């Protein structure tokens, strides 16, 4: 007779990311939880959840950190001559739903440009939309296609000016991200590769986190076109 599986742990992905940021490798996590590394990889990507009995060794180590509200810290671009202080940092509480970076085809090697968009769920149905730009020399390391590693910790991301950290509802969040590439053309005279897909990526992130998006067309058997013989 098959044994019953225990309840799933809803915050599996967050717990795995906390463990990894604390220095554990996926292999070490797998050993602690008595699963294989591919299972941990799926947990990390949010493709599946662990059972509570599997994840107990990690909860014993990191339960105190799980009780803290998640947050992100951003750095402002302080004008030259201003003294550095903690006022140059902006703390935004809430889980991170989306973070994507986009690079502009540089007009010269000395002035490359990139932009990063972050979406955090501050409360249910209320979101922080944060826009950063790379200000300063970008990392020298390139991949085989000579592209900048936008995920590098050495990327000089900064909040450029007031108005680039907004609190918005779901409707406005989608509206802004759908048209943001046009805003960049108009206000920054800049085009970033792939930025026109930001609205799609934001909508997908919302849906993956349980939000209902109105106005979507859904393909079902009821409305699918019948293929002609």
C-alpha atoms as a PDB file:
ATOM      1  CA  UNK A   1       0.000   0.000   0.000  1.00  0.00           C
ATOM      2  CA  UNK A   2       1.565   3.371  -1.072  1.00  0.00           C
ATOM      3  CA  UNK A   3       2.507   5.789   1.664  1.00  0.00           C
ATOM      4  CA  UNK A   4       0.732   9.132   1.810  1.00  0.00           C
ATOM      5  CA  UNK A   5       2.748  12.183   0.862  1.00  0.00           C
ATOM      6  CA  UNK A   6       3.003  14.998   3.379  1.00  0.00           C
ATOM      7  CA  UNK A   7       1.839  18.576   2.803  1.00  0.00           C
ATOM      8  CA  UNK A   8       3.757  20.821   0.423  1.00  0.00           C
ATOM      9  CA  UNK A   9       5.743  23.759   1.769  1.00  0.00           C
ATOM     10  CA  UNK A  10       4.418  26.838  -0.054  1.00  0.00           C
ATOM     11  CA  UNK A  11       7.563  28.944   0.411  1.00  0.00           C
ATOM     12  CA  UNK A  12       9.928  26.308  -0.948  1.00  0.00           C
ATOM     13  CA  UNK A  13      11.480  28.567  -3.581  1.00  0.00           C
ATOM     14  CA  UNK A  14      12.188  31.358  -1.097  1.00  0.00           C
ATOM     15  CA  UNK A  15      13.730  28.953   1.420  1.00  0.00           C
ATOM     16  CA  UNK A  16      16.011  27.422  -1.215  1.00  0.00           C
ATOM     17  CA  UNK A  17      17.184  30.861  -2.343  1.00  0.00           C
ATOM     18  CA  UNK A  18      17.904  31.860   1.273  1.00  0.00           C
ATOM     19  CA  UNK A  19      19.944  28.684   1.751  1.00  0.00           C
ATOM     20  CA  UNK A  20      21.931  29.301  -1.435  1.00  0.00           C
ATOM     21  CA  UNK A  21      22.585  32.959  -0.575  1.00  0.00           C
ATOM     22  CA  UNK A  22      23.832  31.727   2.812  1.00  0.00           C
ATOM     23  CA  UNK A  23      26.520  29.666   1.090  1.00  0.00           C
ATOM     24  CA  UNK A  24      24.983  26.218   0.590  1.00  0.00           C
ATOM     25  CA  UNK A  25      25.285  24.625  -2.837  1.00  0.00           C
ATOM     26  CA  UNK A  26      22.445  22.770  -4.515  1.00  0.00           C
ATOM     27  CA  UNK A  27      24.331  19.532  -3.920  1.00  0.00           C
ATOM     28  CA  UNK A  28      24.615  20.262  -0.180  1.00  0.00           C
ATOM     29  CA  UNK A  29      20.915  21.114   0.007  1.00  0.00           C
ATOM     30  CA  UNK A  30      20.065  17.892  -1.807  1.00  0.00           C
ATOM     31  CA  UNK A  31      22.095  15.890   0.703  1.00  0.00           C
ATOM     32  CA  UNK A  32      20.407  17.590   3.677  1.00  0.00           C
ATOM     33  CA  UNK A  33      16.929  17.031   2.238  1.00  0.00           C
ATOM     34  CA  UNK A  34      17.718  13.503   0.965  1.00  0.00           C
ATOM     35  CA  UNK A  35      16.775  14.251  -2.635  1.00  0.00           C
ATOM     36  CA  UNK A  36      18.776  14.547  -5.836  1.00  0.00           C
ATOM     37  CA  UNK A  37      20.231  17.796  -7.152  1.00  0.00           C
ATOM     38  CA  UNK A  38      17.749  18.008 -10.044  1.00  0.00           C
ATOM     39  CA  UNK A  39      14.907  18.146  -7.499  1.00  0.00           C
ATOM     40  CA  UNK A  40      16.569  21.070  -5.715  1.00  0.00           C
ATOM     41  CA  UNK A  41      17.003  22.793  -9.071  1.00  0.00           C
ATOM     42  CA  UNK A  42      13.252  22.521  -9.711  1.00  0.00           C
ATOM     43  CA  UNK A  43      12.532  23.890  -6.229  1.00  0.00           C
ATOM     44  CA  UNK A  44      14.842  26.851  -6.880  1.00  0.00           C
ATOM     45  CA  UNK A  45      13.116  27.654 -10.197  1.00  0.00           C
ATOM     46  CA  UNK A  46       9.670  27.370  -8.621  1.00  0.00           C
ATOM     47  CA  UNK A  47       8.761  24.432 -10.869  1.00  0.00           C
ATOM     48  CA  UNK A  48       7.800  22.246  -7.920  1.00  0.00           C
ATOM     49  CA  UNK A  49       7.482  22.417  -4.140  1.00  0.00           C
ATOM     50  CA  UNK A  50       9.076  20.316  -1.437  1.00  0.00           C
ATOM     51  CA  UNK A  51       7.104  18.362   1.098  1.00  0.00           C
ATOM     52  CA  UNK A  52       7.338  19.688   4.620  1.00  0.00           C
ATOM     53  CA  UNK A  53       9.191  16.580   5.834  1.00  0.00           C
ATOM     54  CA  UNK A  54      11.807  17.000   3.075  1.00  0.00           C
ATOM     55  CA  UNK A  55      12.518  20.623   3.889  1.00  0.00           C
ATOM     56  CA  UNK A  56      12.705  20.357   7.696  1.00  0.00           C
ATOM     57  CA  UNK A  57      16.552  20.379   7.866  1.00  0.00           C
ATOM     58  CA  UNK A  58      16.579  23.748   6.082  1.00  0.00           C
ATOM     59  CA  UNK A  59      13.790  25.163   8.216  1.00  0.00           C
ATOM     60  CA  UNK A  60      15.795  24.357  11.358  1.00  0.00           C
ATOM     61  CA  UNK A  61      18.691  26.429   9.998  1.00  0.00           C
ATOM     62  CA  UNK A  62      16.851  29.314   8.359  1.00  0.00           C
ATOM     63  CA  UNK A  63      13.449  29.641  10.071  1.00  0.00           C
ATOM     64  CA  UNK A  64      14.455  32.992  11.618  1.00  0.00           C
ATOM     65  CA  UNK A  65      15.205  34.418   8.180  1.00  0.00           C
ATOM     66  CA  UNK A  66      11.951  33.060   6.765  1.00  0.00           C
ATOM     67  CA  UNK A  67      10.048  35.123   9.328  1.00  0.00           C
ATOM     68  CA  UNK A  68      11.626  38.368   8.131  1.00  0.00           C
ATOM     69  CA  UNK A  69       9.772  40.173   5.340  1.00  0.00           C
ATOM     70  CA  UNK A  70      11.683  39.967   2.048  1.00  0.00           C
ATOM     71  CA  UNK A  71      13.159  43.203   0.734  1.00  0.00           C
ATOM     72  CA  UNK A  72      15.480  44.653  -1.898  1.00  0.00           C
ATOM     73  CA  UNK A  73      17.991  47.466  -1.478  1.00  0.00           C
ATOM     74  CA  UNK A  74      18.636  49.975  -4.264  1.00  0.00           C
ATOM     75  CA  UNK A  75      21.304  52.669  -4.601  1.00  0.00           C
ATOM     76  CA  UNK A  76      20.687  56.211  -5.781  1.00  0.00           C
ATOM     77  CA  UNK A  77      23.039  57.993  -8.136  1.00  0.00           C
ATOM     78  CA  UNK A  78      24.416  60.708  -5.815  1.00  0.00           C
ATOM     79  CA  UNK A  79      25.588  63.894  -7.574  1.00  0.00           C
ATOM     80  CA  UNK A  80      29.290  64.585  -7.553  1.00  0.00           C
ATOM     81  CA  UNK A  81      30.382  66.472  -4.459  1.00  0.00           C
ATOM     82  CA  UNK A  82      27.692  65.078  -2.147  1.00  0.00           C
ATOM     83  CA  UNK A  83      28.901  63.156   0.891  1.00  0.00           C
ATOM     84  CA  UNK A  84      28.053  59.428   0.875  1.00  0.00           C
ATOM     85  CA  UNK A  85      25.501  58.335   3.490  1.00  0.00           C
ATOM     86  CA  UNK A  86      22.782  55.756   4.040  1.00  0.00           C
ATOM     87  CA  UNK A  87      20.353  58.203   2.388  1.00  0.00           C
ATOM     88  CA  UNK A  88      21.798  57.016  -0.917  1.00  0.00           C
ATOM     89  CA  UNK A  89      20.032  53.658  -0.388  1.00  0.00           C
ATOM     90  CA  UNK A  90      16.348  52.870  -0.889  1.00  0.00           C
ATOM     91  CA  UNK A  91      14.845  49.841   0.856  1.00  0.00           C
ATOM     92  CA  UNK A  92      11.721  48.343  -0.726  1.00  0.00           C
ATOM     93  CA  UNK A  93       9.909  45.602   1.195  1.00  0.00           C
ATOM     94  CA  UNK A  94       8.027  42.851  -0.627  1.00  0.00           C
ATOM     95  CA  UNK A  95       8.829  39.720  -2.560  1.00  0.00           C
ATOM     96  CA  UNK A  96      10.548  40.114  -5.913  1.00  0.00           C
ATOM     97  CA  UNK A  97       8.261  38.995  -8.748  1.00  0.00           C
ATOM     98  CA  UNK A  98      10.365  40.092 -11.706  1.00  0.00           C
ATOM     99  CA  UNK A  99      13.832  41.445 -12.401  1.00  0.00           C
ATOM    100  CA  UNK A 100      15.002  41.891 -15.983  1.00  0.00           C
ATOM    101  CA  UNK A 101      17.898  43.842 -17.489  1.00  0.00           C
ATOM    102  CA  UNK A 102      18.241  45.141 -21.035  1.00  0.00           C
ATOM    103  CA  UNK A 103      21.296  46.470 -22.850  1.00  0.00           C
ATOM    104  CA  UNK A 104      21.435  49.218 -25.440  1.00  0.00           C
ATOM    105  CA  UNK A 105      23.612  48.740 -28.471  1.00  0.00           C
ATOM    106  CA  UNK A 106      26.404  51.143 -27.447  1.00  0.00           C
ATOM    107  CA  UNK A 107      27.136  54.103 -29.661  1.00  0.00           C
ATOM    108  CA  UNK A 108      30.706  53.999 -28.423  1.00  0.00           C
ATOM    109  CA  UNK A 109      32.770  51.644 -26.289  1.00  0.00           C
ATOM    110  CA  UNK A 110      33.191  54.390 -23.655  1.00  0.00           C
ATOM    111  CA  UNK A 111      29.461  54.984 -23.048  1.00  0.00           C
ATOM    112  CA  UNK A 112      27.574  51.688 -22.912  1.00  0.00           C
ATOM    113  CA  UNK A 113      24.037  51.782 -21.496  1.00  0.00           C
ATOM    114  CA  UNK A 114      21.728  49.328 -19.774  1.00  0.00           C
ATOM    115  CA  UNK A 115      18.452  49.463 -17.841  1.00  0.00           C
ATOM    116  CA  UNK A 116      17.055  47.109 -15.170  1.00  0.00           C
ATOM    117  CA  UNK A 117      13.410  46.753 -14.159  1.00  0.00           C
ATOM    118  CA  UNK A 118      12.306  45.224 -10.841  1.00  0.00           C
ATOM    119  CA  UNK A 119       8.734  44.453  -9.760  1.00  0.00           C
ATOM    120  CA  UNK A 120       8.006  43.699  -6.089  1.00  0.00           C
ATOM    121  CA  UNK A 121       4.731  42.755  -4.436  1.00  0.00           C
ATOM    122  CA  UNK A 122       4.490  45.217  -1.541  1.00  0.00           C
ATOM    123  CA  UNK A 123       1.022  44.039  -0.496  1.00  0.00           C
ATOM    124  CA  UNK A 124      -1.596  41.967  -2.281  1.00  0.00           C
ATOM    125  CA  UNK A 125      -2.470  43.857  -5.467  1.00  0.00           C
ATOM    126  CA  UNK A 126       0.015  46.656  -4.768  1.00  0.00           C
ATOM    127  CA  UNK A 127       3.423  46.702  -6.450  1.00  0.00           C
ATOM    128  CA  UNK A 128       6.715  48.574  -6.463  1.00  0.00           C
ATOM    129  CA  UNK A 129       8.080  49.238  -9.939  1.00  0.00           C
ATOM    130  CA  UNK A 130      11.754  50.200  -9.781  1.00  0.00           C
ATOM    131  CA  UNK A 131      13.779  51.416 -12.771  1.00  0.00           C
ATOM    132  CA  UNK A 132      17.590  51.492 -12.590  1.00  0.00           C
ATOM    133  CA  UNK A 133      20.222  52.403 -15.143  1.00  0.00           C
ATOM    134  CA  UNK A 134      23.828  51.349 -15.317  1.00  0.00           C
ATOM    135  CA  UNK A 135      25.901  54.410 -14.461  1.00  0.00           C
ATOM    136  CA  UNK A 136      29.646  54.038 -14.846  1.00  0.00           C
ATOM    137  CA  UNK A 137      31.943  51.459 -16.427  1.00  0.00           C
ATOM    138  CA  UNK A 138      30.230  48.147 -17.151  1.00  0.00           C
ATOM    139  CA  UNK A 139      32.045  44.890 -16.332  1.00  0.00           C
ATOM    140  CA  UNK A 140      34.747  44.041 -18.810  1.00  0.00           C
ATOM    141  CA  UNK A 141      33.786  40.366 -18.889  1.00  0.00           C
ATOM    142  CA  UNK A 142      31.836  39.326 -21.968  1.00  0.00           C
ATOM    143  CA  UNK A 143      30.318  36.084 -23.175  1.00  0.00           C
ATOM    144  CA  UNK A 144      31.236  34.415 -26.470  1.00  0.00           C
ATOM    145  CA  UNK A 145      28.909  36.834 -28.274  1.00  0.00           C
ATOM    146  CA  UNK A 146      30.709  39.828 -26.683  1.00  0.00           C
ATOM    147  CA  UNK A 147      27.592  40.681 -24.647  1.00  0.00           C
ATOM    148  CA  UNK A 148      27.801  42.260 -21.192  1.00  0.00           C
ATOM    149  CA  UNK A 149      26.819  39.985 -18.292  1.00  0.00           C
ATOM    150  CA  UNK A 150      23.889  42.049 -17.014  1.00  0.00           C
ATOM    151  CA  UNK A 151      23.488  39.746 -13.987  1.00  0.00           C
ATOM    152  CA  UNK A 152      27.018  40.404 -12.761  1.00  0.00           C
ATOM    153  CA  UNK A 153      27.352  41.713  -9.192  1.00  0.00           C
ATOM    154  CA  UNK A 154      29.741  44.300 -10.630  1.00  0.00           C
ATOM    155  CA  UNK A 155      27.031  45.987 -12.699  1.00  0.00           C
ATOM    156  CA  UNK A 156      26.783  49.646 -11.553  1.00  0.00           C
ATOM    157  CA  UNK A 157      22.989  49.838 -11.138  1.00  0.00           C
ATOM    158  CA  UNK A 158      21.613  53.130  -9.799  1.00  0.00           C
ATOM    159  CA  UNK A 159      18.288  54.877  -9.401  1.00  0.00           C
ATOM    160  CA  UNK A 160      18.812  57.785 -11.745  1.00  0.00           C
ATOM    161  CA  UNK A 161      16.245  60.326 -10.574  1.00  0.00           C
ATOM    162  CA  UNK A 162      12.998  60.849  -8.692  1.00  0.00           C
ATOM    163  CA  UNK A 163      10.003  58.979 -10.056  1.00  0.00           C
ATOM    164  CA  UNK A 164      11.814  55.756 -10.867  1.00  0.00           C
ATOM    165  CA  UNK A 165      10.512  53.877  -7.825  1.00  0.00           C
ATOM    166  CA  UNK A 166       6.724  53.836  -8.005  1.00  0.00           C
ATOM    167  CA  UNK A 167       3.920  52.226  -6.012  1.00  0.00           C
ATOM    168  CA  UNK A 168       1.213  51.139  -8.459  1.00  0.00           C
ATOM    169  CA  UNK A 169      -1.800  48.856  -8.716  1.00  0.00           C
ATOM    170  CA  UNK A 170      -1.926  45.899 -11.089  1.00  0.00           C
ATOM    171  CA  UNK A 171      -3.661  47.741 -13.929  1.00  0.00           C
ATOM    172  CA  UNK A 172      -1.167  50.603 -13.937  1.00  0.00           C
ATOM    173  CA  UNK A 173       1.778  48.223 -13.581  1.00  0.00           C
ATOM    174  CA  UNK A 174       0.808  46.379 -16.762  1.00  0.00           C
ATOM    175  CA  UNK A 175       0.055  49.616 -18.609  1.00  0.00           C
ATOM    176  CA  UNK A 176       3.436  51.143 -17.731  1.00  0.00           C
ATOM    177  CA  UNK A 177       5.475  48.054 -18.593  1.00  0.00           C
ATOM    178  CA  UNK A 178       3.697  47.543 -21.932  1.00  0.00           C
ATOM    179  CA  UNK A 179       4.581  51.078 -23.058  1.00  0.00           C
ATOM    180  CA  UNK A 180       7.902  51.555 -21.255  1.00  0.00           C
ATOM    181  CA  UNK A 181      10.034  50.999 -24.361  1.00  0.00           C
ATOM    182  CA  UNK A 182       8.177  53.892 -26.023  1.00  0.00           C
ATOM    183  CA  UNK A 183       8.776  56.060 -22.927  1.00  0.00           C
ATOM    184  CA  UNK A 184      12.513  55.371 -23.184  1.00  0.00           C
ATOM    185  CA  UNK A 185      12.573  56.437 -26.825  1.00  0.00           C
ATOM    186  CA  UNK A 186      10.748  59.683 -26.019  1.00  0.00           C
ATOM    187  CA  UNK A 187      12.427  60.690 -22.749  1.00  0.00           C
ATOM    188  CA  UNK A 188      15.886  59.106 -22.920  1.00  0.00           C
ATOM    189  CA  UNK A 189      16.260  58.864 -26.691  1.00  0.00           C
ATOM    190  CA  UNK A 190      17.296  55.273 -26.031  1.00  0.00           C
ATOM    191  CA  UNK A 191      16.213  51.872 -27.308  1.00  0.00           C
ATOM    192  CA  UNK A 192      17.100  48.740 -25.346  1.00  0.00           C
ATOM    193  CA  UNK A 193      17.126  45.332 -26.952  1.00  0.00           C
ATOM    194  CA  UNK A 194      14.154  43.205 -25.835  1.00  0.00           C
ATOM    195  CA  UNK A 195      12.512  45.958 -23.751  1.00  0.00           C
ATOM    196  CA  UNK A 196       9.359  45.798 -25.885  1.00  0.00           C
ATOM    197  CA  UNK A 197       8.707  42.398 -24.250  1.00  0.00           C
ATOM    198  CA  UNK A 198       8.606  43.862 -20.725  1.00  0.00           C
ATOM    199  CA  UNK A 199       4.797  43.963 -20.652  1.00  0.00           C
ATOM    200  CA  UNK A 200       4.659  40.282 -21.595  1.00  0.00           C
ATOM    201  CA  UNK A 201       7.246  39.339 -18.949  1.00  0.00           C
ATOM    202  CA  UNK A 202       5.413  41.334 -16.270  1.00  0.00           C
ATOM    203  CA  UNK A 203       2.041  39.791 -17.125  1.00  0.00           C
ATOM    204  CA  UNK A 204       3.589  36.321 -17.077  1.00  0.00           C
ATOM    205  CA  UNK A 205       5.189  36.973 -13.661  1.00  0.00           C
ATOM    206  CA  UNK A 206       1.861  38.134 -12.223  1.00  0.00           C
ATOM    207  CA  UNK A 207       0.051  35.055 -13.511  1.00  0.00           C
ATOM    208  CA  UNK A 208       2.739  32.729 -12.161  1.00  0.00           C
ATOM    209  CA  UNK A 209       2.225  34.286  -8.717  1.00  0.00           C
ATOM    210  CA  UNK A 210      -1.520  33.709  -8.771  1.00  0.00           C
ATOM    211  CA  UNK A 211      -2.847  37.012 -10.133  1.00  0.00           C
ATOM    212  CA  UNK A 212      -5.756  37.103 -12.583  1.00  0.00           C
ATOM    213  CA  UNK A 213      -5.165  39.344 -15.599  1.00  0.00           C
ATOM    214  CA  UNK A 214      -8.324  40.640 -17.245  1.00  0.00           C
ATOM    215  CA  UNK A 215      -8.667  40.952 -21.006  1.00  0.00           C
ATOM    216  CA  UNK A 216      -6.495  38.006 -21.988  1.00  0.00           C
ATOM    217  CA  UNK A 217      -7.630  35.889 -24.892  1.00  0.00           C
ATOM    218  CA  UNK A 218      -7.516  32.207 -23.971  1.00  0.00           C
ATOM    219  CA  UNK A 219      -7.280  29.472 -26.575  1.00  0.00           C
ATOM    220  CA  UNK A 220      -9.552  26.565 -25.674  1.00  0.00           C
ATOM    221  CA  UNK A 221     -11.317  23.783 -27.538  1.00  0.00           C
ATOM    222  CA  UNK A 222     -14.450  25.902 -27.443  1.00  0.00           C
ATOM    223  CA  UNK A 223     -12.981  28.826 -29.396  1.00  0.00           C
ATOM    224  CA  UNK A 224     -10.204  27.122 -31.366  1.00  0.00           C
ATOM    225  CA  UNK A 225     -10.470  27.197 -35.147  1.00  0.00           C
ATOM    226  CA  UNK A 226     -11.221  23.801 -36.622  1.00  0.00           C
ATOM    227  CA  UNK A 227      -8.446  22.688 -38.925  1.00  0.00           C
ATOM    228  CA  UNK A 228      -9.754  22.138 -42.409  1.00  0.00           C
ATOM    229  CA  UNK A 229      -9.063  18.766 -43.993  1.00  0.00           C
END
